[in-house]
Structures are given as C-alpha cells and as structure tokens.
Amino acid sequence: MSFKELKREEWKGWMDGLTRELTTCEVSIPVEGLPLESPSERPVTRLIALVYDPPGNIMTVSTEDFDHFIDEPSSLGLDLRPDGVHGLRVVDPEGRDHHIPLSKSLTAPSLDAHFRLRNH
C-alpha cells in the first residue's frame, strides 16, 4: 500500500471533504496501552469526523466511541486507489505512524475533482 503525501496547506480541505462523505464508514485504530497482537484484534467503531485544526496543529479522528488526537502531525498521506480513499496515515513528531484504515473507500465528485486537478 502506498500513500499520497499531501502538502500541509491541503490537510484541512481534504479532512473536511472526507468528513462530508462519511456515512457508515468504520475504522480500526490502535489504542496505545492495549496489548493487541494484530489489526484484526483492534476495536472497530463508526467514524464520525476527521478534523485538522491548523492554528492548534492537531488532528482529531472522532469516532462513535472515542476521539483519537494526534498533536503536531508532521505528515499526512492518503491511501488513494482508483475507487477512492481507503485510509490515512499520519506521522507524529516522534516519527510514529498512525494508520487509519477505512472499512470502505470514500469517493465523491469533489474529492475526484480535487485529485484530478492536483495531478494534471
């Protein structure tokens, strides 16, 4: 799986666009402190919002059960495939990857147009 790295000034727009497309998407996020052996053992919960706050430089992954905060992210990548966005990868200041796989791909005309404009 490869990730399309986004420029920092694009983060908020992409996160807002993805959030508008959320309906019944679920995520499985590693929770620090839980002794989980594999991604299949991670709790699965409904995704509510993906938020980037530029002034505070913080990302929030809001789910039905909890919020996952990433302070001072250094990079954001999208797992972009022909049928849409399959996940996100955020790297924190310590270099840790926060991989956020989506239960289904997110597609939308606005996302498609944005991606096409950036790559032509």
C-alpha atoms as a PDB file:
ATOM      1  CA  MET A   1       0.000   0.000   0.000  1.00  0.00           C
ATOM      2  CA  SER A   2       1.353   3.410  -0.910  1.00  0.00           C
ATOM      3  CA  PHE A   3       0.260   6.745   0.437  1.00  0.00           C
ATOM      4  CA  LYS A   4      -0.083  10.026  -1.454  1.00  0.00           C
ATOM      5  CA  GLU A   5       1.592  12.642   0.736  1.00  0.00           C
ATOM      6  CA  LEU A   6      -0.326  15.897   0.970  1.00  0.00           C
ATOM      7  CA  LYS A   7       1.051  19.389   1.446  1.00  0.00           C
ATOM      8  CA  ARG A   8       0.247  20.829   4.869  1.00  0.00           C
ATOM      9  CA  GLU A   9      -1.929  23.570   3.339  1.00  0.00           C
ATOM     10  CA  GLU A  10      -4.128  20.833   1.816  1.00  0.00           C
ATOM     11  CA  TRP A  11      -4.747  18.914   5.040  1.00  0.00           C
ATOM     12  CA  LYS A  12      -7.799  20.813   6.290  1.00  0.00           C
ATOM     13  CA  GLY A  13      -9.546  20.757   2.893  1.00  0.00           C
ATOM     14  CA  TRP A  14      -9.020  17.026   2.442  1.00  0.00           C
ATOM     15  CA  MET A  15     -10.111  16.197   6.001  1.00  0.00           C
ATOM     16  CA  ASP A  16     -13.231  18.381   5.641  1.00  0.00           C
ATOM     17  CA  GLY A  17     -14.035  16.768   2.278  1.00  0.00           C
ATOM     18  CA  LEU A  18     -13.643  13.245   3.634  1.00  0.00           C
ATOM     19  CA  THR A  19     -15.801  14.060   6.666  1.00  0.00           C
ATOM     20  CA  ARG A  20     -18.628  15.232   4.373  1.00  0.00           C
ATOM     21  CA  GLU A  21     -18.596  11.804   2.722  1.00  0.00           C
ATOM     22  CA  LEU A  22     -18.785   9.746   5.915  1.00  0.00           C
ATOM     23  CA  THR A  23     -21.954   7.716   6.321  1.00  0.00           C
ATOM     24  CA  THR A  24     -21.399   4.230   7.656  1.00  0.00           C
ATOM     25  CA  CYS A  25     -17.630   4.073   7.478  1.00  0.00           C
ATOM     26  CA  GLU A  26     -15.885   2.211  10.289  1.00  0.00           C
ATOM     27  CA  VAL A  27     -12.280   2.393  11.447  1.00  0.00           C
ATOM     28  CA  SER A  28      -9.941   0.251  13.481  1.00  0.00           C
ATOM     29  CA  ILE A  29      -7.417   2.441  15.303  1.00  0.00           C
ATOM     30  CA  PRO A  30      -4.624   1.132  17.522  1.00  0.00           C
ATOM     31  CA  VAL A  31      -5.191   2.398  21.052  1.00  0.00           C
ATOM     32  CA  GLU A  32      -1.989   2.960  22.981  1.00  0.00           C
ATOM     33  CA  GLY A  33      -1.775   0.824  26.091  1.00  0.00           C
ATOM     34  CA  LEU A  34      -3.920  -2.064  24.836  1.00  0.00           C
ATOM     35  CA  PRO A  35      -1.946  -5.282  24.294  1.00  0.00           C
ATOM     36  CA  LEU A  36      -3.323  -6.116  20.865  1.00  0.00           C
ATOM     37  CA  GLU A  37      -1.464  -8.601  18.706  1.00  0.00           C
ATOM     38  CA  SER A  38      -2.860  -7.772  15.275  1.00  0.00           C
ATOM     39  CA  PRO A  39      -5.041  -5.234  13.454  1.00  0.00           C
ATOM     40  CA  SER A  40      -7.907  -7.741  13.479  1.00  0.00           C
ATOM     41  CA  GLU A  41      -7.995  -7.529  17.291  1.00  0.00           C
ATOM     42  CA  ARG A  42      -8.378  -3.760  17.369  1.00  0.00           C
ATOM     43  CA  PRO A  43     -11.762  -2.345  18.334  1.00  0.00           C
ATOM     44  CA  VAL A  44     -13.873  -1.336  15.332  1.00  0.00           C
ATOM     45  CA  THR A  45     -16.026   1.761  15.685  1.00  0.00           C
ATOM     46  CA  ARG A  46     -18.046   4.105  13.477  1.00  0.00           C
ATOM     47  CA  LEU A  47     -16.102   7.068  12.131  1.00  0.00           C
ATOM     48  CA  ILE A  48     -17.808  10.429  12.691  1.00  0.00           C
ATOM     49  CA  ALA A  49     -15.282  13.086  11.644  1.00  0.00           C
ATOM     50  CA  LEU A  50     -11.731  13.756  10.527  1.00  0.00           C
ATOM     51  CA  VAL A  51     -10.571  17.181  11.653  1.00  0.00           C
ATOM     52  CA  TYR A  52      -7.394  19.181  11.227  1.00  0.00           C
ATOM     53  CA  ASP A  53      -7.046  22.390  13.241  1.00  0.00           C
ATOM     54  CA  PRO A  54      -4.243  24.457  11.638  1.00  0.00           C
ATOM     55  CA  PRO A  55      -3.864  27.031  14.466  1.00  0.00           C
ATOM     56  CA  GLY A  56      -3.547  24.300  17.090  1.00  0.00           C
ATOM     57  CA  ASN A  57      -1.711  21.933  14.708  1.00  0.00           C
ATOM     58  CA  ILE A  58      -3.731  18.943  15.893  1.00  0.00           C
ATOM     59  CA  MET A  59      -5.616  16.190  14.086  1.00  0.00           C
ATOM     60  CA  THR A  60      -8.655  14.536  15.563  1.00  0.00           C
ATOM     61  CA  VAL A  61     -10.207  11.279  14.450  1.00  0.00           C
ATOM     62  CA  SER A  62     -13.650  11.287  16.047  1.00  0.00           C
ATOM     63  CA  THR A  63     -15.470   8.001  16.357  1.00  0.00           C
ATOM     64  CA  GLU A  64     -18.691   6.858  17.960  1.00  0.00           C
ATOM     65  CA  ASP A  65     -16.732   5.573  20.987  1.00  0.00           C
ATOM     66  CA  PHE A  66     -13.695   7.832  21.383  1.00  0.00           C
ATOM     67  CA  ASP A  67     -11.577  10.629  19.909  1.00  0.00           C
ATOM     68  CA  HIS A  68      -8.023   9.939  18.767  1.00  0.00           C
ATOM     69  CA  PHE A  69      -5.786  13.042  18.911  1.00  0.00           C
ATOM     70  CA  ILE A  70      -2.501  13.478  17.071  1.00  0.00           C
ATOM     71  CA  ASP A  71      -0.597  16.539  18.280  1.00  0.00           C
ATOM     72  CA  GLU A  72       1.740  18.355  15.882  1.00  0.00           C
ATOM     73  CA  PRO A  73       1.474  15.919  12.956  1.00  0.00           C
ATOM     74  CA  SER A  74       4.443  16.082  10.609  1.00  0.00           C
ATOM     75  CA  SER A  75       2.845  14.439   7.556  1.00  0.00           C
ATOM     76  CA  LEU A  76      -0.483  13.249   6.191  1.00  0.00           C
ATOM     77  CA  GLY A  77      -0.826  10.634   3.489  1.00  0.00           C
ATOM     78  CA  LEU A  78      -3.903   9.193   1.814  1.00  0.00           C
ATOM     79  CA  ASP A  79      -4.227   5.609   0.645  1.00  0.00           C
ATOM     80  CA  LEU A  80      -5.659   6.619  -2.742  1.00  0.00           C
ATOM     81  CA  ARG A  81      -6.750   3.939  -5.158  1.00  0.00           C
ATOM     82  CA  PRO A  82      -8.820   4.135  -8.342  1.00  0.00           C
ATOM     83  CA  ASP A  83     -12.049   3.577  -6.385  1.00  0.00           C
ATOM     84  CA  GLY A  84     -11.358   6.197  -3.679  1.00  0.00           C
ATOM     85  CA  VAL A  85      -9.634   6.817  -0.357  1.00  0.00           C
ATOM     86  CA  HIS A  86      -9.039   3.628   1.638  1.00  0.00           C
ATOM     87  CA  GLY A  87      -7.247   5.104   4.624  1.00  0.00           C
ATOM     88  CA  LEU A  88      -4.985   7.745   6.076  1.00  0.00           C
ATOM     89  CA  ARG A  89      -1.504   7.719   7.531  1.00  0.00           C
ATOM     90  CA  VAL A  90      -0.457  10.456   9.914  1.00  0.00           C
ATOM     91  CA  VAL A  91       3.079  10.718  11.250  1.00  0.00           C
ATOM     92  CA  ASP A  92       3.561  12.399  14.622  1.00  0.00           C
ATOM     93  CA  PRO A  93       6.651  14.402  15.725  1.00  0.00           C
ATOM     94  CA  GLU A  94       8.277  11.265  17.188  1.00  0.00           C
ATOM     95  CA  GLY A  95       8.004   9.527  13.814  1.00  0.00           C
ATOM     96  CA  ARG A  96       5.216   7.134  14.850  1.00  0.00           C
ATOM     97  CA  ASP A  97       2.743   6.158  12.135  1.00  0.00           C
ATOM     98  CA  HIS A  98      -0.946   6.453  12.918  1.00  0.00           C
ATOM     99  CA  HIS A  99      -2.562   4.317  10.233  1.00  0.00           C
ATOM    100  CA  ILE A 100      -6.316   4.804   9.949  1.00  0.00           C
ATOM    101  CA  PRO A 101      -7.750   2.162   7.613  1.00  0.00           C
ATOM    102  CA  LEU A 102     -11.314   2.744   6.461  1.00  0.00           C
ATOM    103  CA  SER A 103     -13.864  -0.075   6.274  1.00  0.00           C
ATOM    104  CA  LYS A 104     -14.897   1.106   2.807  1.00  0.00           C
ATOM    105  CA  SER A 105     -13.449   3.509   0.295  1.00  0.00           C
ATOM    106  CA  LEU A 106     -14.673   7.085   0.319  1.00  0.00           C
ATOM    107  CA  THR A 107     -15.439   8.648  -3.038  1.00  0.00           C
ATOM    108  CA  ALA A 108     -17.052  11.894  -4.002  1.00  0.00           C
ATOM    109  CA  PRO A 109     -17.102  14.154  -7.032  1.00  0.00           C
ATOM    110  CA  SER A 110     -15.398  16.883  -5.015  1.00  0.00           C
ATOM    111  CA  LEU A 111     -12.577  14.539  -3.975  1.00  0.00           C
ATOM    112  CA  ASP A 112     -12.209  13.186  -7.508  1.00  0.00           C
ATOM    113  CA  ALA A 113     -12.055  16.700  -8.965  1.00  0.00           C
ATOM    114  CA  HIS A 114      -9.540  17.809  -6.338  1.00  0.00           C
ATOM    115  CA  PHE A 115      -7.308  14.810  -7.045  1.00  0.00           C
ATOM    116  CA  ARG A 116      -7.508  15.248 -10.828  1.00  0.00           C
ATOM    117  CA  LEU A 117      -6.679  18.974 -10.598  1.00  0.00           C
ATOM    118  CA  ARG A 118      -3.638  18.279  -8.442  1.00  0.00           C
ATOM    119  CA  ASN A 119      -2.284  15.634 -10.810  1.00  0.00           C
ATOM    120  CA  HIS A 120      -2.693  17.366 -14.192  1.00  0.00           C
END
